[in-house]
Protein backbone atom coordinates (compact mmCIF):
# COMPACT_ATOMS: atom_id res chain seq x y z
CA MET A 1 -10.91 25.26 4.80
CA VAL A 2 -10.81 21.50 5.18
CA SER A 3 -13.88 19.91 6.74
CA VAL A 4 -14.04 16.89 9.00
CA VAL A 5 -15.62 14.87 6.19
CA ASP A 6 -12.64 15.65 3.94
CA LEU A 7 -10.20 14.54 6.65
CA VAL A 8 -12.12 11.31 7.20
CA GLY A 9 -12.12 10.69 3.44
CA LEU A 10 -8.39 11.33 3.24
CA SER A 11 -7.83 8.97 6.18
CA VAL A 12 -9.82 6.27 4.39
CA VAL A 13 -7.70 6.66 1.25
CA VAL A 14 -4.48 6.53 3.27
CA LEU A 15 -5.64 3.45 5.23
CA VAL A 16 -6.76 1.60 2.10
CA ASN A 17 -3.45 2.34 0.37
CA THR A 18 -1.51 1.27 3.47
CA GLY A 19 -3.36 -2.04 3.45
CA ILE A 20 -2.68 -2.48 -0.26
CA ALA A 21 1.02 -1.82 0.29
CA ALA A 22 1.26 -4.24 3.22
CA VAL A 23 -0.61 -7.05 1.47
CA GLY A 24 1.10 -6.42 -1.87
CA THR A 25 4.54 -6.47 -0.32
CA ARG A 26 3.71 -9.66 1.59
CA LEU A 27 2.38 -11.31 -1.58
CA LEU A 28 5.55 -10.43 -3.48
CA ARG A 29 7.79 -11.65 -0.64
CA VAL A 30 5.96 -14.98 -0.48
CA THR A 31 5.75 -15.65 -4.22
CA LEU A 32 9.07 -14.35 -5.55
CA ALA A 33 12.29 -16.23 -4.88
CA THR A 34 14.86 -13.42 -5.19
CA TRP A 35 15.28 -10.21 -3.20
CA TRP A 36 15.88 -8.15 -6.32
CA GLY A 37 12.56 -9.38 -7.73
CA VAL A 38 10.75 -8.32 -4.58
CA ALA A 39 12.47 -4.92 -4.67
CA VAL A 40 11.87 -4.23 -8.35
CA TYR A 41 8.28 -5.42 -8.47
CA GLY A 42 7.55 -3.84 -5.09
CA LEU A 43 8.84 -0.45 -6.18
CA VAL A 44 6.93 -0.60 -9.48
CA LEU A 45 3.71 -2.57 -8.99
CA VAL A 46 2.61 -1.57 -5.50
CA PRO A 47 2.81 2.23 -6.06
CA ALA A 48 1.10 1.79 -9.45
CA VAL A 49 -1.81 -0.01 -7.81
CA GLU A 50 -1.91 2.58 -5.01
CA THR A 51 -2.02 5.39 -7.56
CA ALA A 52 -4.88 3.74 -9.45
CA VAL A 53 -6.84 3.18 -6.23
CA ALA A 54 -6.19 6.77 -5.13
CA LEU A 55 -7.43 8.07 -8.48
CA VAL A 56 -10.63 6.06 -8.16
CA LEU A 57 -11.25 6.92 -4.50
CA THR A 58 -10.54 10.62 -4.84
CA GLY A 59 -12.09 11.07 -8.29
CA PRO A 60 -15.40 9.28 -8.91
CA VAL A 61 -15.94 8.31 -5.27
CA GLY A 62 -15.02 11.80 -4.06
CA LEU A 63 -13.11 11.03 -0.86
CA GLY A 64 -10.62 13.52 0.55
CA PRO A 65 -9.91 17.22 0.12
CA ASN A 66 -8.17 19.05 -2.69
CA LEU A 67 -4.51 18.82 -1.70
CA GLY A 68 -3.42 21.46 -4.20
CA THR A 69 -0.38 20.07 -5.98
CA PRO A 70 0.34 16.69 -7.54
CA THR A 71 3.45 16.44 -5.37
CA ALA A 72 1.36 16.70 -2.20
CA VAL A 73 -1.03 14.06 -3.50
CA MET A 74 1.76 11.63 -4.37
CA ALA A 75 3.51 12.23 -1.05
CA LEU A 76 0.44 11.94 1.18
CA VAL A 77 -1.68 9.40 -0.69
CA VAL A 78 0.94 7.13 -2.29
CA ALA A 79 4.42 7.52 -0.73
CA LEU A 80 3.36 7.69 2.94
CA PRO A 81 1.04 4.64 2.74
CA PHE A 82 3.69 2.75 0.74
CA ALA A 83 6.29 3.39 3.45
CA LEU A 84 3.84 2.44 6.21
CA GLY A 85 2.72 -0.73 4.43
CA VAL A 86 6.27 -1.90 3.75
CA ALA A 87 7.21 -1.17 7.37
CA ILE A 88 4.21 -3.15 8.62
CA ASP A 89 5.17 -6.11 6.45
CA PHE A 90 8.87 -6.10 7.25
CA PHE A 91 8.82 -5.19 10.94
CA TRP A 92 5.49 -6.41 12.30
CA MET A 93 4.75 -9.56 10.28
CA PRO A 94 6.98 -12.64 10.59
CA ALA A 95 9.29 -13.45 7.70
CA PRO A 96 7.76 -15.80 5.10
CA ASP A 97 10.39 -18.44 5.91
CA GLU A 98 9.42 -18.47 9.59
CA VAL A 99 5.74 -19.31 8.97
CA ASP A 100 4.88 -22.99 9.38
CA LEU A 101 2.33 -24.27 6.88
CA PRO A 102 0.28 -27.47 7.15
CA ASP A 103 1.61 -30.51 5.26
CA GLY A 104 -0.84 -30.16 2.36
CA PHE A 105 0.37 -26.66 1.38
CA ASP A 106 3.99 -27.39 0.44
CA GLY A 107 3.31 -26.91 -3.25
């Protein structure tokens, strides 16, 4: 049976990975000039970082319950936060072109 502590730990892992996905996607959208670059690097780098963070948080740190199968882990701890983070960046945050920067930050 899953305890409340395990659910809180799993929620922490999911929230951290969602934040990583949102910030990582935003960073890629701001720094890369082409859409294909954002798509390729976003689909490769962000889930790789999320997987590494999930391995650290669920392994040595010990957060979250035993989910049973690797498919469940990847779906719940990597794919779901990735989808949420990308949705937060694309739908909630303004587009990088719409953000006005001060004069000293033009590059």
